[in-house]
């Protein structure tokens, strides 16, 4: 009788442990889903200065058809960052424009035709220039530049001190995890001058 009671208790304990594990997994998925709903809500809201982070697994990142996520994943693959080392992805899109008008006053007419009124756009997907020419002597320009930065955060175990030349000694060296931040500017006309990332230690 005692053996059966002990076996029943063990089985019951196993069922409770399994159910607890299942419940914790469901709670974790629910919290992730809630975080993603908030992130979508912030993306669709009028508050452009605030962003809420999405939470995705590697499988979801590879599966989702979102064009921005696909572009980020492509950049990550170009940098040859492995799934296990990937920590975060970010896309930052921005653009700037300024209108200038020049009126030549030193001459009566710069353009001969009184009916002249040209309004045209030159450029490509990253840059365009709206150019206006008008009789007698007005030139108007409105350039627009688009910037798209992909920020990829990954981690890598590296030796604390410079790595030894002999591979056996390298294996024995103390290592720590180092975060790498890659900032990739997709606009070929824009140069990355500087960037800084600070990890706060608590």
Protein backbone atom coordinates (compact mmCIF):
# COMPACT_ATOMS: atom_id res chain seq x y z
CA UNK A 1 0.00 0.00 0.00
CA UNK A 2 2.85 2.36 0.90
CA UNK A 3 4.55 1.80 -2.49
CA UNK A 4 1.38 2.70 -4.38
CA UNK A 5 0.85 5.81 -2.28
CA UNK A 6 4.46 6.90 -2.87
CA UNK A 7 4.12 6.25 -6.63
CA UNK A 8 0.84 8.21 -6.71
CA UNK A 9 2.47 11.15 -4.89
CA UNK A 10 5.43 11.09 -7.31
CA UNK A 11 3.08 11.01 -10.34
CA UNK A 12 0.94 13.79 -8.84
CA UNK A 13 4.05 15.89 -8.15
CA UNK A 14 5.21 15.31 -11.74
CA UNK A 15 1.83 16.42 -13.12
CA UNK A 16 1.84 19.58 -10.95
CA UNK A 17 5.44 20.40 -11.99
CA UNK A 18 4.57 19.89 -15.67
CA UNK A 19 1.44 22.07 -15.40
CA UNK A 20 3.45 24.76 -13.58
CA UNK A 21 6.03 24.71 -16.38
CA UNK A 22 3.25 24.95 -19.01
CA UNK A 23 1.63 27.84 -17.15
CA UNK A 24 4.91 29.77 -16.88
CA UNK A 25 5.47 29.30 -20.64
CA UNK A 26 1.96 30.58 -21.40
CA UNK A 27 2.51 33.58 -19.08
CA UNK A 28 5.79 34.40 -20.82
CA UNK A 29 4.13 34.24 -24.26
CA UNK A 30 1.24 36.39 -23.03
CA UNK A 31 3.65 39.04 -21.67
CA UNK A 32 5.54 39.03 -25.00
CA UNK A 33 2.27 39.43 -26.92
CA UNK A 34 1.23 42.32 -24.64
CA UNK A 35 4.60 44.04 -25.20
CA UNK A 36 4.21 43.66 -28.99
CA UNK A 37 0.66 45.07 -28.90
CA UNK A 38 2.00 48.13 -27.04
CA UNK A 39 4.82 48.45 -29.58
CA UNK A 40 2.36 48.37 -32.51
CA UNK A 41 0.11 50.84 -30.70
CA UNK A 42 3.00 53.26 -30.20
CA UNK A 43 4.01 52.83 -33.86
CA UNK A 44 0.50 53.69 -35.06
CA UNK A 45 -0.07 56.55 -32.61
CA UNK A 46 0.69 60.19 -33.26
CA UNK A 47 3.44 60.21 -30.62
CA UNK A 48 6.44 59.82 -32.93
CA UNK A 49 9.06 60.65 -30.28
CA UNK A 50 8.36 57.50 -28.26
CA UNK A 51 8.93 53.92 -29.36
CA UNK A 52 8.14 50.69 -27.56
CA UNK A 53 10.37 47.69 -28.25
CA UNK A 54 9.04 44.61 -30.02
CA UNK A 55 9.90 41.21 -28.55
CA UNK A 56 10.56 38.51 -31.16
CA UNK A 57 12.24 35.14 -31.23
CA UNK A 58 14.74 34.33 -33.99
CA UNK A 59 12.09 32.09 -35.58
CA UNK A 60 9.60 34.98 -35.63
CA UNK A 61 12.23 37.36 -37.01
CA UNK A 62 12.92 34.95 -39.88
CA UNK A 63 9.20 34.27 -40.47
CA UNK A 64 7.53 37.71 -40.31
CA UNK A 65 6.82 39.47 -43.63
CA UNK A 66 7.28 42.99 -42.24
CA UNK A 67 9.48 44.86 -44.75
CA UNK A 68 11.49 46.70 -42.07
CA UNK A 69 12.18 43.48 -40.13
CA UNK A 70 13.23 41.74 -43.34
CA UNK A 71 15.61 44.61 -44.21
CA UNK A 72 17.11 44.50 -40.69
CA UNK A 73 17.51 40.73 -40.90
CA UNK A 74 19.20 41.07 -44.31
CA UNK A 75 21.66 43.59 -42.85
CA UNK A 76 22.32 41.24 -39.91
CA UNK A 77 23.04 38.38 -42.35
CA UNK A 78 25.35 40.62 -44.41
CA UNK A 79 27.33 41.29 -41.22
CA UNK A 80 27.47 37.48 -40.63
CA UNK A 81 26.02 37.71 -37.10
CA UNK A 82 24.88 34.32 -35.82
CA UNK A 83 21.43 33.78 -34.30
CA UNK A 84 22.86 32.98 -30.86
CA UNK A 85 24.85 36.26 -30.78
CA UNK A 86 22.03 38.57 -31.90
CA UNK A 87 20.74 40.84 -29.11
CA UNK A 88 18.72 43.65 -30.73
CA UNK A 89 17.83 45.28 -34.04
CA UNK A 90 16.76 48.85 -34.73
CA UNK A 91 15.81 50.83 -37.83
CA UNK A 92 15.93 54.63 -37.81
CA UNK A 93 14.47 56.46 -40.81
CA UNK A 94 14.69 60.22 -41.16
CA UNK A 95 14.72 62.88 -43.84
CA UNK A 96 15.52 66.55 -44.13
CA UNK A 97 14.72 69.29 -46.57
CA UNK A 98 15.16 73.06 -46.95
CA UNK A 99 13.81 75.42 -49.56
CA UNK A 100 15.99 78.23 -50.95
CA UNK A 101 15.10 80.87 -53.49
CA UNK A 102 17.62 82.97 -55.38
CA UNK A 103 16.54 86.12 -57.22
CA UNK A 104 19.25 87.71 -59.35
CA UNK A 105 19.03 91.50 -59.01
CA UNK A 106 22.22 92.50 -60.87
CA UNK A 107 20.60 91.82 -64.25
CA UNK A 108 17.12 92.68 -65.51
CA UNK A 109 16.43 89.25 -66.91
CA UNK A 110 18.24 85.97 -66.43
CA UNK A 111 15.77 84.07 -68.61
CA UNK A 112 14.67 85.46 -71.97
CA UNK A 113 11.26 83.79 -72.34
CA UNK A 114 8.47 85.58 -70.39
CA UNK A 115 6.45 82.34 -70.31
CA UNK A 116 9.26 80.36 -68.68
CA UNK A 117 8.10 78.45 -65.59
CA UNK A 118 9.99 75.19 -65.03
CA UNK A 119 9.28 72.96 -62.04
CA UNK A 120 11.10 69.63 -62.13
CA UNK A 121 12.52 66.97 -59.77
CA UNK A 122 15.92 65.34 -60.11
CA UNK A 123 17.32 62.47 -58.01
CA UNK A 124 16.69 58.94 -56.80
CA UNK A 125 15.24 57.06 -53.80
CA UNK A 126 17.77 58.60 -51.38
CA UNK A 127 17.98 62.16 -52.68
CA UNK A 128 15.86 64.41 -54.81
CA UNK A 129 16.03 68.04 -55.81
CA UNK A 130 12.97 70.08 -56.72
CA UNK A 131 14.18 72.77 -59.10
CA UNK A 132 12.14 75.78 -60.17
CA UNK A 133 13.09 78.36 -62.79
CA UNK A 134 10.85 81.38 -63.42
CA UNK A 135 11.02 84.47 -65.60
CA UNK A 136 12.66 86.96 -65.24
CA UNK A 137 15.39 85.89 -62.78
CA UNK A 138 14.19 83.50 -60.07
CA UNK A 139 15.75 80.14 -59.19
CA UNK A 140 14.20 77.98 -56.43
CA UNK A 141 15.69 74.76 -55.04
CA UNK A 142 14.32 72.32 -52.49
CA UNK A 143 16.64 69.37 -51.83
CA UNK A 144 15.49 66.34 -49.80
CA UNK A 145 17.74 63.66 -48.28
CA UNK A 146 16.51 60.39 -46.76
CA UNK A 147 18.56 58.54 -44.15
CA UNK A 148 17.97 54.94 -43.09
CA UNK A 149 20.18 53.50 -40.36
CA UNK A 150 20.19 49.86 -39.30
CA UNK A 151 21.56 49.33 -35.79
CA UNK A 152 22.50 45.74 -34.98
CA UNK A 153 23.48 44.78 -31.41
CA UNK A 154 25.30 41.48 -30.97
CA UNK A 155 27.44 39.85 -28.32
CA UNK A 156 30.66 37.89 -28.56
CA UNK A 157 32.90 36.15 -26.07
CA UNK A 158 36.38 37.62 -26.25
CA UNK A 159 39.52 37.26 -24.19
CA UNK A 160 39.91 39.86 -21.41
CA UNK A 161 43.57 40.37 -22.32
CA UNK A 162 44.94 40.34 -25.88
CA UNK A 163 44.63 36.79 -27.28
CA UNK A 164 47.71 34.56 -27.07
CA UNK A 165 49.27 33.43 -30.32
CA UNK A 166 49.29 29.73 -29.44
CA UNK A 167 45.74 28.29 -29.64
CA UNK A 168 46.05 26.11 -26.51
CA UNK A 169 46.96 29.17 -24.43
CA UNK A 170 44.02 31.05 -25.99
CA UNK A 171 41.63 28.33 -24.80
CA UNK A 172 42.82 28.83 -21.21
CA UNK A 173 42.48 32.62 -21.24
CA UNK A 174 39.75 34.31 -19.21
CA UNK A 175 36.88 35.56 -21.37
CA UNK A 176 34.04 38.04 -21.06
CA UNK A 177 31.03 38.97 -23.18
CA UNK A 178 31.49 42.08 -25.33
CA UNK A 179 28.59 43.92 -26.99
CA UNK A 180 29.16 44.98 -30.59
CA UNK A 181 27.08 47.77 -32.12
CA UNK A 182 27.01 47.97 -35.92
CA UNK A 183 25.48 51.14 -37.38
CA UNK A 184 24.86 50.65 -41.10
CA UNK A 185 23.74 53.69 -43.10
CA UNK A 186 21.84 52.52 -46.18
CA UNK A 187 21.96 55.89 -47.98
CA UNK A 188 25.14 55.83 -50.11
CA UNK A 189 25.40 59.65 -49.94
CA UNK A 190 25.54 59.81 -46.12
CA UNK A 191 28.72 59.20 -44.11
CA UNK A 192 28.52 57.98 -40.51
CA UNK A 193 30.71 60.42 -38.62
CA UNK A 194 30.34 59.06 -35.09
CA UNK A 195 28.11 56.94 -32.89
CA UNK A 196 28.21 55.91 -29.25
CA UNK A 197 26.46 53.21 -27.23
CA UNK A 198 26.58 53.07 -23.44
CA UNK A 199 25.56 50.04 -21.42
CA UNK A 200 24.50 50.93 -17.88
CA UNK A 201 25.88 48.51 -15.28
CA UNK A 202 23.67 47.92 -12.21
